[in-house]
C-alpha atoms as a PDB file:
ATOM      1  CA  ARG A   1     179.767 118.019 109.421  1.00  0.00           C
ATOM      2  CA  ILE A   2     176.384 116.464 108.926  1.00  0.00           C
ATOM      3  CA  ARG A   3     173.442 118.527 110.115  1.00  0.00           C
ATOM      4  CA  ARG A   4     170.151 116.909 110.978  1.00  0.00           C
ATOM      5  CA  PRO A   5     166.804 118.551 110.295  1.00  0.00           C
ATOM      6  CA  ALA A   6     165.672 120.899 113.060  1.00  0.00           C
ATOM      7  CA  THR A   7     162.263 119.227 113.336  1.00  0.00           C
ATOM      8  CA  ALA A   8     160.523 116.121 112.134  1.00  0.00           C
ATOM      9  CA  VAL A   9     158.697 118.291 109.598  1.00  0.00           C
ATOM     10  CA  ASP A  10     162.051 119.085 107.988  1.00  0.00           C
ATOM     11  CA  ALA A  11     163.008 115.407 107.728  1.00  0.00           C
ATOM     12  CA  PRO A  12     163.074 113.769 104.314  1.00  0.00           C
ATOM     13  CA  ALA A  13     159.654 112.576 103.216  1.00  0.00           C
ATOM     14  CA  VAL A  14     160.501 108.890 102.967  1.00  0.00           C
ATOM     15  CA  ALA A  15     159.076 105.884 104.743  1.00  0.00           C
ATOM     16  CA  ASP A  16     162.292 105.171 106.625  1.00  0.00           C
ATOM     17  CA  ALA A  17     163.004 108.769 107.700  1.00  0.00           C
ATOM     18  CA  SER A  18     163.089 107.800 111.370  1.00  0.00           C
ATOM     19  CA  ASP A  19     165.643 105.053 110.622  1.00  0.00           C
ATOM     20  CA  LYS A  20     167.737 107.514 108.677  1.00  0.00           C
ATOM     21  CA  TRP A  21     167.996 109.893 111.640  1.00  0.00           C
ATOM     22  CA  GLN A  22     167.948 107.462 114.567  1.00  0.00           C
ATOM     23  CA  ASP A  23     171.632 108.059 115.388  1.00  0.00           C
ATOM     24  CA  ALA A  24     171.493 111.810 114.828  1.00  0.00           C
ATOM     25  CA  ASP A  25     171.769 112.548 118.552  1.00  0.00           C
ATOM     26  CA  ALA A  26     175.147 110.792 118.589  1.00  0.00           C
ATOM     27  CA  ILE A  27     176.578 113.190 115.990  1.00  0.00           C
ATOM     28  CA  ASP A  28     178.588 116.147 117.278  1.00  0.00           C
ATOM     29  CA  PHE A  29     176.766 119.187 115.892  1.00  0.00           C
ATOM     30  CA  GLU A  30     178.537 122.489 115.618  1.00  0.00           C
ATOM     31  CA  PRO A  31     176.326 125.392 116.727  1.00  0.00           C
ATOM     32  CA  LEU A  32     175.837 128.222 114.251  1.00  0.00           C
ATOM     33  CA  PRO A  33     178.528 130.837 114.884  1.00  0.00           C
ATOM     34  CA  CYS A  34     176.275 133.821 115.496  1.00  0.00           C
ATOM     35  CA  VAL A  35     176.078 136.824 117.763  1.00  0.00           C
ATOM     36  CA  ARG A  36     172.695 137.861 119.121  1.00  0.00           C
ATOM     37  CA  GLY A  37     171.793 141.066 120.868  1.00  0.00           C
ATOM     38  CA  VAL A  38     169.279 143.802 121.518  1.00  0.00           C
ATOM     39  CA  LEU A  39     169.854 147.471 120.724  1.00  0.00           C
ATOM     40  CA  PRO A  40     168.843 150.173 123.237  1.00  0.00           C
ATOM     41  CA  ASN A  41     165.702 150.835 121.156  1.00  0.00           C
ATOM     42  CA  GLY A  42     164.594 147.188 121.558  1.00  0.00           C
ATOM     43  CA  LEU A  43     165.577 146.039 118.054  1.00  0.00           C
ATOM     44  CA  ARG A  44     166.862 142.463 118.239  1.00  0.00           C
ATOM     45  CA  TYR A  45     169.655 141.386 115.907  1.00  0.00           C
ATOM     46  CA  VAL A  46     171.547 138.283 114.853  1.00  0.00           C
ATOM     47  CA  ILE A  47     174.907 138.411 113.107  1.00  0.00           C
ATOM     48  CA  LEU A  48     176.001 135.283 111.278  1.00  0.00           C
ATOM     49  CA  ARG A  49     179.318 135.198 109.456  1.00  0.00           C
ATOM     50  CA  HIS A  50     179.456 133.664 105.984  1.00  0.00           C
ATOM     51  CA  SER A  51     182.623 133.291 103.955  1.00  0.00           C
ATOM     52  CA  ILE A  52     180.879 132.731 100.623  1.00  0.00           C
ATOM     53  CA  PRO A  53     180.731 134.907  98.686  1.00  0.00           C
ATOM     54  CA  PRO A  54     183.848 136.599 100.037  1.00  0.00           C
ATOM     55  CA  GLY A  55     183.847 140.344 100.593  1.00  0.00           C
ATOM     56  CA  ARG A  56     180.051 140.710 100.782  1.00  0.00           C
ATOM     57  CA  PHE A  57     177.459 141.056 103.465  1.00  0.00           C
ATOM     58  CA  GLU A  58     173.740 140.466 103.435  1.00  0.00           C
ATOM     59  CA  ALA A  59     171.326 142.035 105.873  1.00  0.00           C
ATOM     60  CA  HIS A  60     167.659 141.302 106.481  1.00  0.00           C
ATOM     61  CA  LEU A  61     165.357 143.560 108.455  1.00  0.00           C
ATOM     62  CA  GLU A  62     162.352 141.556 109.604  1.00  0.00           C
ATOM     63  CA  ILE A  63     159.346 143.422 110.948  1.00  0.00           C
ATOM     64  CA  HIS A  64     156.789 141.190 112.633  1.00  0.00           C
ATOM     65  CA  VAL A  65     153.744 142.692 110.935  1.00  0.00           C
ATOM     66  CA  GLY A  66     152.006 141.158 107.958  1.00  0.00           C
ATOM     67  CA  SER A  67     148.663 140.787 106.267  1.00  0.00           C
ATOM     68  CA  VAL A  68     147.247 138.726 109.141  1.00  0.00           C
ATOM     69  CA  ASP A  69     147.374 141.906 111.243  1.00  0.00           C
ATOM     70  CA  GLU A  70     144.999 143.747 108.893  1.00  0.00           C
ATOM     71  CA  ASP A  71     141.263 143.944 109.362  1.00  0.00           C
ATOM     72  CA  ASP A  72     138.951 143.854 106.339  1.00  0.00           C
ATOM     73  CA  SER A  73     139.132 147.619 105.786  1.00  0.00           C
ATOM     74  CA  GLN A  74     142.948 147.461 105.728  1.00  0.00           C
ATOM     75  CA  ARG A  75     143.448 144.542 103.350  1.00  0.00           C
ATOM     76  CA  GLY A  76     146.580 145.069 101.280  1.00  0.00           C
ATOM     77  CA  MET A  77     148.030 147.822 103.487  1.00  0.00           C
ATOM     78  CA  ALA A  78     150.937 145.753 104.823  1.00  0.00           C
ATOM     79  CA  HIS A  79     151.996 145.029 101.249  1.00  0.00           C
ATOM     80  CA  MET A  80     151.397 148.643 100.231  1.00  0.00           C
ATOM     81  CA  MET A  81     153.561 149.873 103.128  1.00  0.00           C
ATOM     82  CA  GLU A  82     156.293 147.423 102.099  1.00  0.00           C
ATOM     83  CA  HIS A  83     156.365 148.948  98.604  1.00  0.00           C
ATOM     84  CA  ILE A  84     156.230 152.552  99.785  1.00  0.00           C
ATOM     85  CA  CYS A  85     158.878 152.134 102.479  1.00  0.00           C
ATOM     86  CA  PHE A  86     161.236 150.156 100.235  1.00  0.00           C
ATOM     87  CA  LEU A  87     160.966 152.485  97.248  1.00  0.00           C
ATOM     88  CA  GLY A  88     160.647 155.573  99.425  1.00  0.00           C
ATOM     89  CA  SER A  89     164.118 155.139 100.883  1.00  0.00           C
ATOM     90  CA  GLU A  90     166.421 157.776  99.470  1.00  0.00           C
ATOM     91  CA  ARG A  91     169.465 156.085 101.013  1.00  0.00           C
ATOM     92  CA  ARG A  92     168.624 152.745  99.379  1.00  0.00           C
ATOM     93  CA  SER A  93     168.052 154.432  96.011  1.00  0.00           C
ATOM     94  CA  GLU A  94     171.314 156.361  96.323  1.00  0.00           C
ATOM     95  CA  LEU A  95     173.303 153.238  97.233  1.00  0.00           C
ATOM     96  CA  GLN A  96     171.654 151.306  94.394  1.00  0.00           C
ATOM     97  CA  GLY A  97     172.538 154.125  91.993  1.00  0.00           C
ATOM     98  CA  ARG A  98     176.244 154.098  92.921  1.00  0.00           C
ATOM     99  CA  GLY A  99     176.794 150.957  90.882  1.00  0.00           C
ATOM    100  CA  VAL A 100     178.340 149.063  93.789  1.00  0.00           C
ATOM    101  CA  GLY A 101     176.694 145.744  92.930  1.00  0.00           C
ATOM    102  CA  MET A 102     173.971 145.974  95.550  1.00  0.00           C
ATOM    103  CA  THR A 103     170.928 143.774  95.280  1.00  0.00           C
ATOM    104  CA  SER A 104     167.866 144.454  97.393  1.00  0.00           C
ATOM    105  CA  ASN A 105     164.281 143.349  97.659  1.00  0.00           C
ATOM    106  CA  ALA A 106     161.350 143.087 100.037  1.00  0.00           C
ATOM    107  CA  LEU A 107     158.453 140.778 100.797  1.00  0.00           C
ATOM    108  CA  THR A 108     155.303 140.702 102.871  1.00  0.00           C
ATOM    109  CA  ASP A 109     153.522 137.565 103.982  1.00  0.00           C
ATOM    110  CA  PHE A 110     150.954 136.721 106.650  1.00  0.00           C
ATOM    111  CA  GLN A 111     153.165 137.402 109.661  1.00  0.00           C
ATOM    112  CA  GLN A 112     156.069 139.572 108.583  1.00  0.00           C
ATOM    113  CA  THR A 113     157.536 142.158 106.271  1.00  0.00           C
ATOM    114  CA  VAL A 114     161.177 141.637 105.329  1.00  0.00           C
ATOM    115  CA  TYR A 115     163.596 144.035 103.645  1.00  0.00           C
ATOM    116  CA  HIS A 116     166.958 142.675 102.560  1.00  0.00           C
ATOM    117  CA  LEU A 117     170.038 143.783 100.737  1.00  0.00           C
ATOM    118  CA  SER A 118     173.396 142.395  99.723  1.00  0.00           C
ATOM    119  CA  VAL A 119     176.422 144.555  98.975  1.00  0.00           C
ATOM    120  CA  GLY A 120     180.201 144.585  99.281  1.00  0.00           C
ATOM    121  CA  SER A 121     181.500 144.622 102.851  1.00  0.00           C
ATOM    122  CA  GLU A 122     183.135 147.996 102.271  1.00  0.00           C
ATOM    123  CA  HIS A 123     179.585 149.441 102.060  1.00  0.00           C
ATOM    124  CA  LEU A 124     178.395 147.874 105.330  1.00  0.00           C
ATOM    125  CA  ALA A 125     177.578 151.204 107.043  1.00  0.00           C
ATOM    126  CA  ALA A 126     175.744 152.527 103.985  1.00  0.00           C
ATOM    127  CA  GLY A 127     173.777 149.260 103.775  1.00  0.00           C
ATOM    128  CA  PHE A 128     172.670 149.504 107.393  1.00  0.00           C
ATOM    129  CA  ASP A 129     171.780 153.171 106.848  1.00  0.00           C
ATOM    130  CA  ALA A 130     169.641 152.153 103.870  1.00  0.00           C
ATOM    131  CA  LEU A 131     167.776 149.539 105.926  1.00  0.00           C
ATOM    132  CA  ALA A 132     167.213 152.063 108.731  1.00  0.00           C
ATOM    133  CA  ASP A 133     165.900 154.567 106.183  1.00  0.00           C
ATOM    134  CA  ILE A 134     163.517 151.973 104.731  1.00  0.00           C
ATOM    135  CA  ALA A 135     162.099 151.090 108.146  1.00  0.00           C
ATOM    136  CA  PHE A 136     162.054 154.426 109.930  1.00  0.00           C
ATOM    137  CA  THR A 137     162.239 157.403 107.546  1.00  0.00           C
ATOM    138  CA  PRO A 138     160.895 156.545 104.088  1.00  0.00           C
ATOM    139  CA  ALA A 139     159.596 159.367 101.907  1.00  0.00           C
ATOM    140  CA  PHE A 140     155.840 159.221 101.307  1.00  0.00           C
ATOM    141  CA  GLN A 141     155.606 160.894  97.914  1.00  0.00           C
ATOM    142  CA  PRO A 142     152.049 161.221  96.502  1.00  0.00           C
ATOM    143  CA  GLU A 143     153.095 160.167  92.979  1.00  0.00           C
ATOM    144  CA  ARG A 144     154.892 157.094  94.386  1.00  0.00           C
ATOM    145  CA  ILE A 145     151.867 156.117  96.464  1.00  0.00           C
ATOM    146  CA  GLU A 146     149.569 155.988  93.430  1.00  0.00           C
ATOM    147  CA  LYS A 147     152.159 154.126  91.344  1.00  0.00           C
ATOM    148  CA  GLU A 148     152.701 151.524  94.086  1.00  0.00           C
ATOM    149  CA  ARG A 149     148.964 151.203  94.674  1.00  0.00           C
ATOM    150  CA  ALA A 150     148.638 150.089  91.046  1.00  0.00           C
ATOM    151  CA  ALA A 151     151.599 147.693  91.418  1.00  0.00           C
ATOM    152  CA  VAL A 152     150.191 146.100  94.576  1.00  0.00           C
ATOM    153  CA  LEU A 153     146.767 145.638  92.964  1.00  0.00           C
ATOM    154  CA  SER A 154     148.420 144.089  89.904  1.00  0.00           C
ATOM    155  CA  GLU A 155     150.449 141.676  92.069  1.00  0.00           C
ATOM    156  CA  ALA A 156     147.308 140.731  93.971  1.00  0.00           C
ATOM    157  CA  GLN A 157     145.679 139.697  90.712  1.00  0.00           C
ATOM    158  CA  MET A 158     148.670 137.515  89.777  1.00  0.00           C
ATOM    159  CA  VAL A 159     148.985 135.745  93.124  1.00  0.00           C
ATOM    160  CA  ASN A 160     145.711 135.003  94.807  1.00  0.00           C
ATOM    161  CA  ASP A 161     146.097 132.020  97.098  1.00  0.00           C
ATOM    162  CA  VAL A 162     146.325 131.173 100.785  1.00  0.00           C
ATOM    163  CA  THR A 163     149.948 132.361 101.061  1.00  0.00           C
ATOM    164  CA  TYR A 164     149.122 135.823  99.856  1.00  0.00           C
ATOM    165  CA  ARG A 165     146.207 137.681 101.416  1.00  0.00           C
ATOM    166  CA  ASN A 166     146.200 140.850  99.308  1.00  0.00           C
END
C-alpha cells in the first residue's frame, strides 16, 4: 500500500507536491497494527509488530525529559544522567555480555531521553528487565560518574549546535 506523509512538512520538497498528493484521501490506508496501553504505574506503551528481521524485538524507553528542562546551573545533566543510567545498568551489561547479539544505545536531545535495545525474541523478558533497570535502578558508581563526566564533556566539544545543548 502507498502511505502518504503524515503532514505537509513530511511531503516531498518539490514544486508540485500538492499535485502529487491531491488524491491521497481517496487511497485506502491501513492503520499501523499496534497495541497501546498504560501500566498501573502510569507508564504508557505502544507495541508494534515487525516481521523483519524475524525472531528479534526492539524496545525503546522514551523519557520526556531533556536538556530543555535544565536551568543554567544544570546544563549537561540530562546527558550525564543518560550515560550514568545506561552504563550503570547491571542487567543491561549482563545481557550484553551473554553474547546474544544484543545492540543497545541511548540518546538525549532537547525534549527527551531515549534508551533502546534490540535482541532475539527469546530474550524479550531479559530485554525489558534491562530497560527497567536502566530507568529505575541504575548503579551510581563514583568511578563511573567521573569517567562519564569526561565522556559527556568530550561529546559536548564535538557537537556544539542548536540540536545539542550540552
